[in-house]
C-alpha atoms as a PDB file:
ATOM      1  CA  MET A   1     185.984 109.843 166.292  1.00  0.00           C
ATOM      2  CA  SER A   2     188.225 109.314 163.325  1.00  0.00           C
ATOM      3  CA  ARG A   3     187.150 110.225 159.758  1.00  0.00           C
ATOM      4  CA  ARG A   4     186.939 106.545 158.789  1.00  0.00           C
ATOM      5  CA  ALA A   5     184.688 105.691 161.696  1.00  0.00           C
ATOM      6  CA  TRP A   6     182.376 108.628 160.856  1.00  0.00           C
ATOM      7  CA  VAL A   7     181.912 107.490 157.177  1.00  0.00           C
ATOM      8  CA  LEU A   8     181.178 103.902 158.257  1.00  0.00           C
ATOM      9  CA  SER A   9     178.452 105.043 160.717  1.00  0.00           C
ATOM     10  CA  CYS A  10     176.775 107.080 158.005  1.00  0.00           C
ATOM     11  CA  ALA A  11     176.777 104.157 155.630  1.00  0.00           C
ATOM     12  CA  LEU A  12     175.111 101.970 158.270  1.00  0.00           C
ATOM     13  CA  CYS A  13     172.354 104.555 158.641  1.00  0.00           C
ATOM     14  CA  VAL A  14     171.606 104.718 154.923  1.00  0.00           C
ATOM     15  CA  LEU A  15     171.568 101.003 154.070  1.00  0.00           C
ATOM     16  CA  PRO A  16     168.438  99.999 156.083  1.00  0.00           C
ATOM     17  CA  GLY A  17     166.454 102.759 154.218  1.00  0.00           C
ATOM     18  CA  VAL A  18     167.489 101.539 150.866  1.00  0.00           C
ATOM     19  CA  ALA A  19     166.614  97.905 151.830  1.00  0.00           C
ATOM     20  CA  PHE A  20     163.097  99.016 152.960  1.00  0.00           C
ATOM     21  CA  ALA A  21     162.533 100.976 149.726  1.00  0.00           C
ATOM     22  CA  GLN A  22     163.432  97.918 147.662  1.00  0.00           C
ATOM     23  CA  ALA A  23     161.078  95.753 149.716  1.00  0.00           C
ATOM     24  CA  GLU A  24     158.184  98.181 149.272  1.00  0.00           C
ATOM     25  CA  GLY A  25     158.647  99.089 145.591  1.00  0.00           C
ATOM     26  CA  GLY A  26     160.425  96.118 144.147  1.00  0.00           C
ATOM     27  CA  ALA A  27     163.760  96.006 142.523  1.00  0.00           C
ATOM     28  CA  PRO A  28     165.478  99.224 141.706  1.00  0.00           C
ATOM     29  CA  PRO A  29     165.065 100.525 138.276  1.00  0.00           C
ATOM     30  CA  PRO A  30     167.560  99.355 135.667  1.00  0.00           C
ATOM     31  CA  GLU A  31     170.348 101.439 134.608  1.00  0.00           C
ATOM     32  CA  GLY A  32     169.513 104.142 132.064  1.00  0.00           C
ATOM     33  CA  GLY A  33     166.146 105.070 133.614  1.00  0.00           C
ATOM     34  CA  GLY A  34     164.099 102.389 131.728  1.00  0.00           C
ATOM     35  CA  GLN A  35     161.062 100.622 133.307  1.00  0.00           C
ATOM     36  CA  GLY A  36     160.975  96.934 134.142  1.00  0.00           C
ATOM     37  CA  GLY A  37     159.105  94.180 132.226  1.00  0.00           C
ATOM     38  CA  PRO A  38     159.717  92.420 128.939  1.00  0.00           C
ATOM     39  CA  PRO A  39     161.005  94.377 125.975  1.00  0.00           C
ATOM     40  CA  PRO A  40     158.355  95.695 123.529  1.00  0.00           C
ATOM     41  CA  GLN A  41     157.443  93.368 120.728  1.00  0.00           C
ATOM     42  CA  GLY A  42     157.486  94.338 117.091  1.00  0.00           C
ATOM     43  CA  PRO A  43     154.384  94.756 114.819  1.00  0.00           C
ATOM     44  CA  PRO A  44     152.492  91.547 113.962  1.00  0.00           C
ATOM     45  CA  PRO A  45     153.483  89.803 110.800  1.00  0.00           C
ATOM     46  CA  ALA A  46     151.689  90.936 107.631  1.00  0.00           C
ATOM     47  CA  PRO A  47     149.103  88.495 106.254  1.00  0.00           C
ATOM     48  CA  PRO A  48     150.126  86.554 103.180  1.00  0.00           C
ATOM     49  CA  PRO A  49     149.238  88.120  99.861  1.00  0.00           C
ATOM     50  CA  PRO A  50     145.972  86.954  98.318  1.00  0.00           C
ATOM     51  CA  ASN A  51     146.044  84.172  95.724  1.00  0.00           C
ATOM     52  CA  PRO A  52     145.711  85.654  92.182  1.00  0.00           C
ATOM     53  CA  LYS A  53     143.705  82.742  91.105  1.00  0.00           C
ATOM     54  CA  VAL A  54     141.128  83.400  93.816  1.00  0.00           C
ATOM     55  CA  ILE A  55     140.957  87.105  92.865  1.00  0.00           C
ATOM     56  CA  ARG A  56     140.499  86.279  89.244  1.00  0.00           C
ATOM     57  CA  LYS A  57     137.792  83.796  89.981  1.00  0.00           C
ATOM     58  CA  LEU A  58     136.035  86.231  92.227  1.00  0.00           C
ATOM     59  CA  ARG A  59     136.152  88.978  89.585  1.00  0.00           C
ATOM     60  CA  GLN A  60     134.716  86.623  86.957  1.00  0.00           C
ATOM     61  CA  ARG A  61     131.827  85.742  89.348  1.00  0.00           C
ATOM     62  CA  PHE A  62     130.968  89.385  89.977  1.00  0.00           C
ATOM     63  CA  GLU A  63     131.068  90.057  86.143  1.00  0.00           C
ATOM     64  CA  ARG A  64     128.547  87.317  85.563  1.00  0.00           C
ATOM     65  CA  GLU A  65     126.279  88.184  88.403  1.00  0.00           C
ATOM     66  CA  PRO A  66     123.432  90.777  87.965  1.00  0.00           C
ATOM     67  CA  THR A  67     124.550  94.322  88.454  1.00  0.00           C
ATOM     68  CA  VAL A  68     123.085  96.538  91.147  1.00  0.00           C
ATOM     69  CA  SER A  69     121.140  98.455  88.501  1.00  0.00           C
ATOM     70  CA  GLU A  70     119.486  95.255  87.279  1.00  0.00           C
ATOM     71  CA  VAL A  71     118.444  94.235  90.780  1.00  0.00           C
ATOM     72  CA  GLN A  72     117.156  97.718  91.406  1.00  0.00           C
ATOM     73  CA  ARG A  73     114.966  97.692  88.299  1.00  0.00           C
ATOM     74  CA  ALA A  74     113.688  94.239  89.211  1.00  0.00           C
ATOM     75  CA  ALA A  75     112.712  95.490  92.623  1.00  0.00           C
ATOM     76  CA  LEU A  76     110.974  98.531  91.158  1.00  0.00           C
ATOM     77  CA  ARG A  77     109.027  96.352  88.789  1.00  0.00           C
ATOM     78  CA  PHE A  78     108.152  93.862  91.507  1.00  0.00           C
ATOM     79  CA  PHE A  79     106.634  96.635  93.664  1.00  0.00           C
ATOM     80  CA  ARG A  80     105.078  98.289  90.660  1.00  0.00           C
ATOM     81  CA  VAL A  81     106.822 101.630  91.346  1.00  0.00           C
ATOM     82  CA  ASN A  82     109.117 101.678  88.270  1.00  0.00           C
ATOM     83  CA  PRO A  83     109.477 105.146  86.706  1.00  0.00           C
ATOM     84  CA  GLU A  84     107.388 104.180  83.640  1.00  0.00           C
ATOM     85  CA  ARG A  85     104.423 103.044  85.720  1.00  0.00           C
ATOM     86  CA  VAL A  86     104.673 106.083  88.036  1.00  0.00           C
ATOM     87  CA  GLU A  87     104.643 108.416  85.049  1.00  0.00           C
ATOM     88  CA  GLY A  88     101.571 106.677  83.831  1.00  0.00           C
ATOM     89  CA  TYR A  89      99.950 107.082  87.236  1.00  0.00           C
ATOM     90  CA  MET A  90     100.734 110.804  87.068  1.00  0.00           C
ATOM     91  CA  ALA A  91      99.276 111.211  83.630  1.00  0.00           C
ATOM     92  CA  GLY A  92      96.095 109.267  84.553  1.00  0.00           C
ATOM     93  CA  ALA A  93      95.618 111.359  87.680  1.00  0.00           C
ATOM     94  CA  SER A  94      96.006 114.609  85.727  1.00  0.00           C
ATOM     95  CA  TRP A  95      93.535 113.685  82.919  1.00  0.00           C
ATOM     96  CA  LYS A  96      91.110 111.881  85.171  1.00  0.00           C
ATOM     97  CA  ALA A  97      88.862 114.937  85.306  1.00  0.00           C
ATOM     98  CA  LEU A  98      87.993 114.484  81.563  1.00  0.00           C
ATOM     99  CA  MET A  99      86.312 111.257  82.455  1.00  0.00           C
ATOM    100  CA  PRO A 100      82.843 111.846  83.914  1.00  0.00           C
ATOM    101  CA  ASP A 101      81.258 110.158  86.885  1.00  0.00           C
ATOM    102  CA  ILE A 102      78.666 107.833  85.379  1.00  0.00           C
ATOM    103  CA  GLU A 103      75.434 107.068  87.305  1.00  0.00           C
ATOM    104  CA  VAL A 104      73.019 104.378  86.051  1.00  0.00           C
ATOM    105  CA  ASN A 105      69.585 103.883  87.464  1.00  0.00           C
ATOM    106  CA  PHE A 106      67.298 100.959  86.655  1.00  0.00           C
ATOM    107  CA  ASN A 107      63.632 100.657  87.702  1.00  0.00           C
ATOM    108  CA  ASN A 108      61.284  97.731  86.940  1.00  0.00           C
ATOM    109  CA  GLU A 109      57.515  98.062  87.460  1.00  0.00           C
ATOM    110  CA  MET A 110      55.015  95.227  86.905  1.00  0.00           C
ATOM    111  CA  ALA A 111      51.267  95.343  87.545  1.00  0.00           C
ATOM    112  CA  LYS A 112      48.379  92.833  87.038  1.00  0.00           C
ATOM    113  CA  ASN A 113      44.653  93.493  87.145  1.00  0.00           C
ATOM    114  CA  ASP A 114      41.969  90.820  87.016  1.00  0.00           C
ATOM    115  CA  ARG A 115      38.272  91.746  86.402  1.00  0.00           C
ATOM    116  CA  THR A 116      35.336  89.455  86.347  1.00  0.00           C
ATOM    117  CA  LEU A 117      31.963  90.672  85.274  1.00  0.00           C
ATOM    118  CA  LYS A 118      28.613  89.019  85.683  1.00  0.00           C
ATOM    119  CA  ASP A 119      25.344  90.637  84.899  1.00  0.00           C
ATOM    120  CA  ALA A 120      21.780  89.516  84.099  1.00  0.00           C
ATOM    121  CA  ILE A 121      21.901  90.338  80.349  1.00  0.00           C
ATOM    122  CA  TYR A 122      25.174  88.429  79.919  1.00  0.00           C
ATOM    123  CA  LEU A 123      23.842  85.338  81.682  1.00  0.00           C
ATOM    124  CA  THR A 124      20.575  85.319  79.592  1.00  0.00           C
ATOM    125  CA  ARG A 125      22.552  85.234  76.338  1.00  0.00           C
ATOM    126  CA  PHE A 126      25.431  82.984  77.525  1.00  0.00           C
ATOM    127  CA  PRO A 127      23.987  80.939  80.425  1.00  0.00           C
ATOM    128  CA  ASP A 128      27.072  78.804  80.628  1.00  0.00           C
ATOM    129  CA  GLY A 129      29.675  81.610  80.265  1.00  0.00           C
ATOM    130  CA  LYS A 130      30.940  84.648  81.984  1.00  0.00           C
ATOM    131  CA  GLU A 131      32.934  87.796  81.107  1.00  0.00           C
ATOM    132  CA  PHE A 132      36.445  87.855  82.272  1.00  0.00           C
ATOM    133  CA  GLU A 133      39.124  90.590  81.850  1.00  0.00           C
ATOM    134  CA  ASP A 134      42.836  90.147  82.662  1.00  0.00           C
ATOM    135  CA  THR A 135      45.082  93.242  82.434  1.00  0.00           C
ATOM    136  CA  ARG A 136      48.876  93.056  82.872  1.00  0.00           C
ATOM    137  CA  ARG A 137      51.440  95.853  82.729  1.00  0.00           C
ATOM    138  CA  LEU A 138      55.250  95.576  82.764  1.00  0.00           C
ATOM    139  CA  SER A 139      57.647  98.582  82.454  1.00  0.00           C
ATOM    140  CA  TYR A 140      61.387  99.119  82.640  1.00  0.00           C
ATOM    141  CA  VAL A 141      62.978 102.470  83.242  1.00  0.00           C
ATOM    142  CA  ILE A 142      66.734 103.015  82.717  1.00  0.00           C
ATOM    143  CA  GLY A 143      68.423 106.277  83.521  1.00  0.00           C
ATOM    144  CA  VAL A 144      72.049 107.333  82.829  1.00  0.00           C
ATOM    145  CA  ARG A 145      73.652 110.504  84.233  1.00  0.00           C
ATOM    146  CA  ALA A 146      77.142 111.886  83.656  1.00  0.00           C
ATOM    147  CA  HIS A 147      78.905 114.338  85.922  1.00  0.00           C
ATOM    148  CA  TRP A 148      82.168 116.188  85.054  1.00  0.00           C
ATOM    149  CA  ALA A 149      84.424 117.854  87.681  1.00  0.00           C
ATOM    150  CA  LEU A 150      86.424 120.119  85.369  1.00  0.00           C
ATOM    151  CA  ASP A 151      88.105 121.879  88.302  1.00  0.00           C
ATOM    152  CA  ARG A 152      90.253 118.815  88.783  1.00  0.00           C
ATOM    153  CA  LEU A 153      91.988 119.708  85.480  1.00  0.00           C
ATOM    154  CA  ILE A 154      93.702 122.522  87.404  1.00  0.00           C
ATOM    155  CA  PHE A 155      94.556 120.576  90.577  1.00  0.00           C
ATOM    156  CA  ASN A 156      93.866 117.002  91.369  1.00  0.00           C
ATOM    157  CA  ALA A 157      94.586 115.836  94.922  1.00  0.00           C
ATOM    158  CA  GLU A 158      95.258 112.333  93.613  1.00  0.00           C
ATOM    159  CA  THR A 159      98.467 113.550  92.097  1.00  0.00           C
ATOM    160  CA  LEU A 160      99.807 113.941  95.670  1.00  0.00           C
ATOM    161  CA  ASP A 161      99.173 110.261  96.333  1.00  0.00           C
ATOM    162  CA  VAL A 162     101.081 109.371  93.167  1.00  0.00           C
ATOM    163  CA  THR A 163     103.938 111.685  94.102  1.00  0.00           C
ATOM    164  CA  SER A 164     104.347 109.850  97.427  1.00  0.00           C
ATOM    165  CA  LEU A 165     105.521 106.804  95.396  1.00  0.00           C
ATOM    166  CA  VAL A 166     108.761 108.674  94.685  1.00  0.00           C
ATOM    167  CA  GLY A 167     109.623 108.284  98.350  1.00  0.00           C
ATOM    168  CA  VAL A 168     108.869 104.525  98.044  1.00  0.00           C
ATOM    169  CA  GLN A 169     111.298 104.399  95.105  1.00  0.00           C
ATOM    170  CA  GLU A 170     114.080 106.134  96.967  1.00  0.00           C
ATOM    171  CA  GLY A 171     113.772 103.919 100.053  1.00  0.00           C
ATOM    172  CA  LEU A 172     113.715 100.800  97.982  1.00  0.00           C
ATOM    173  CA  LEU A 173     116.701 101.829  95.955  1.00  0.00           C
ATOM    174  CA  ARG A 174     118.727 102.577  99.083  1.00  0.00           C
ATOM    175  CA  GLU A 175     117.903  99.274 100.725  1.00  0.00           C
ATOM    176  CA  ILE A 176     118.778  97.311  97.579  1.00  0.00           C
ATOM    177  CA  THR A 177     122.101  99.111  97.130  1.00  0.00           C
ATOM    178  CA  SER A 178     123.036  98.530 100.805  1.00  0.00           C
ATOM    179  CA  LEU A 179     122.241  94.853 100.753  1.00  0.00           C
ATOM    180  CA  TYR A 180     123.834  94.290  97.369  1.00  0.00           C
ATOM    181  CA  PHE A 181     127.249  95.696  98.321  1.00  0.00           C
ATOM    182  CA  THR A 182     127.231  94.103 101.773  1.00  0.00           C
ATOM    183  CA  ARG A 183     126.708  90.728 100.101  1.00  0.00           C
ATOM    184  CA  ARG A 184     129.642  91.394  97.710  1.00  0.00           C
ATOM    185  CA  ARG A 185     131.939  92.496 100.599  1.00  0.00           C
ATOM    186  CA  LEU A 186     130.995  89.291 102.455  1.00  0.00           C
ATOM    187  CA  LEU A 187     131.734  87.135  99.469  1.00  0.00           C
ATOM    188  CA  THR A 188     135.104  88.892  98.973  1.00  0.00           C
ATOM    189  CA  ALA A 189     136.085  88.371 102.652  1.00  0.00           C
ATOM    190  CA  MET A 190     134.987  84.670 102.593  1.00  0.00           C
ATOM    191  CA  ALA A 191     137.094  84.107  99.418  1.00  0.00           C
ATOM    192  CA  LEU A 192     140.225  85.983 100.255  1.00  0.00           C
ATOM    193  CA  ASN A 193     140.351  85.402 104.030  1.00  0.00           C
ATOM    194  CA  PRO A 194     138.082  82.441 104.778  1.00  0.00           C
ATOM    195  CA  PRO A 195     137.505  81.908 108.543  1.00  0.00           C
ATOM    196  CA  GLN A 196     139.373  79.004 110.113  1.00  0.00           C
ATOM    197  CA  ASP A 197     136.931  78.362 112.960  1.00  0.00           C
ATOM    198  CA  PRO A 198     133.999  76.079 111.882  1.00  0.00           C
ATOM    199  CA  GLY A 199     131.529  78.031 113.982  1.00  0.00           C
ATOM    200  CA  GLU A 200     132.607  81.245 112.328  1.00  0.00           C
ATOM    201  CA  GLN A 201     132.284  79.583 108.912  1.00  0.00           C
ATOM    202  CA  ILE A 202     128.620  78.570 109.584  1.00  0.00           C
ATOM    203  CA  THR A 203     127.875  82.072 110.977  1.00  0.00           C
ATOM    204  CA  GLU A 204     129.203  83.756 107.841  1.00  0.00           C
ATOM    205  CA  SER A 205     127.383  81.406 105.591  1.00  0.00           C
ATOM    206  CA  ILE A 206     124.087  82.081 107.438  1.00  0.00           C
ATOM    207  CA  ARG A 207     124.656  85.695 107.093  1.00  0.00           C
ATOM    208  CA  LEU A 208     125.249  85.437 103.348  1.00  0.00           C
ATOM    209  CA  ASP A 209     122.020  83.471 102.963  1.00  0.00           C
ATOM    210  CA  GLU A 210     120.150  86.100 104.927  1.00  0.00           C
ATOM    211  CA  ILE A 211     121.338  88.948 102.773  1.00  0.00           C
ATOM    212  CA  THR A 212     120.528  86.998  99.638  1.00  0.00           C
ATOM    213  CA  ALA A 213     117.055  86.213 100.924  1.00  0.00           C
ATOM    214  CA  ASN A 214     116.380  89.836 101.714  1.00  0.00           C
ATOM    215  CA  LEU A 215     117.452  90.781  98.176  1.00  0.00           C
ATOM    216  CA  ASP A 216     115.172  88.079  96.783  1.00  0.00           C
ATOM    217  CA  ALA A 217     112.276  89.293  98.902  1.00  0.00           C
ATOM    218  CA  LEU A 218     112.663  92.819  97.540  1.00  0.00           C
ATOM    219  CA  SER A 219     113.109  91.733  93.926  1.00  0.00           C
ATOM    220  CA  GLY A 220     110.673  88.875  93.582  1.00  0.00           C
ATOM    221  CA  GLY A 221     113.434  86.197  93.567  1.00  0.00           C
ATOM    222  CA  TYR A 222     115.317  87.937  90.783  1.00  0.00           C
ATOM    223  CA  LEU A 223     118.815  87.777  92.219  1.00  0.00           C
ATOM    224  CA  SER A 224     118.877  84.001  93.018  1.00  0.00           C
ATOM    225  CA  ARG A 225     117.150  83.169  89.750  1.00  0.00           C
ATOM    226  CA  GLU A 226     119.740  85.121  87.697  1.00  0.00           C
ATOM    227  CA  VAL A 227     122.736  83.822  89.723  1.00  0.00           C
ATOM    228  CA  ARG A 228     121.647  80.200  89.071  1.00  0.00           C
ATOM    229  CA  LYS A 229     121.242  81.067  85.375  1.00  0.00           C
ATOM    230  CA  ARG A 230     124.485  82.959  84.851  1.00  0.00           C
ATOM    231  CA  VAL A 231     126.830  81.563  87.472  1.00  0.00           C
ATOM    232  CA  GLY A 232     125.387  78.056  87.677  1.00  0.00           C
ATOM    233  CA  GLU A 233     124.936  78.018  91.522  1.00  0.00           C
END
């Protein structure tokens, strides 16, 4: 066998294996070792810059609306746990032992006694008359007693009940703060990047109404009342 015939026979043996590999795994990899598929895309385009007029209008709205501190104070007054009232509760519980426990008793007694007397001597002198005696008795008894528990000047368990109001204050302030700034973030998103889908617009509007209603429920309607007064909504 000549050298040319030997090379041709080797090539015929290799080609079927290459064809089978291409049928099983697809096209051979491109030159340079890269993988198949479309070329990678670039980063998404940046959103357009916000409108300065919208930002200015939003800032003016926030400046006119009640601050978070004002809403917090309104909520504390509504639930009667503002610091001034709690301090009054503490002072009252501390000095309560100086006030005695007053006990008042009232008793009413009424008695009536009828007496009729007839005798022979009386009838001979007054044949048409008789002796009659009517006795009535009425009495009122009022008693007042005062009791002091001076040991409560040292420690009064009712001060612990008043101290528990501090936890109510903390929880209320945290809830007001969270709802207040969630509402502002939602207003900002709706103003700078309003949703295009009508369903999403309705959903965001309902969420805003829900947050505002919760703030009103915790502050006695203070937020909506002040927004209508200051912003005109």
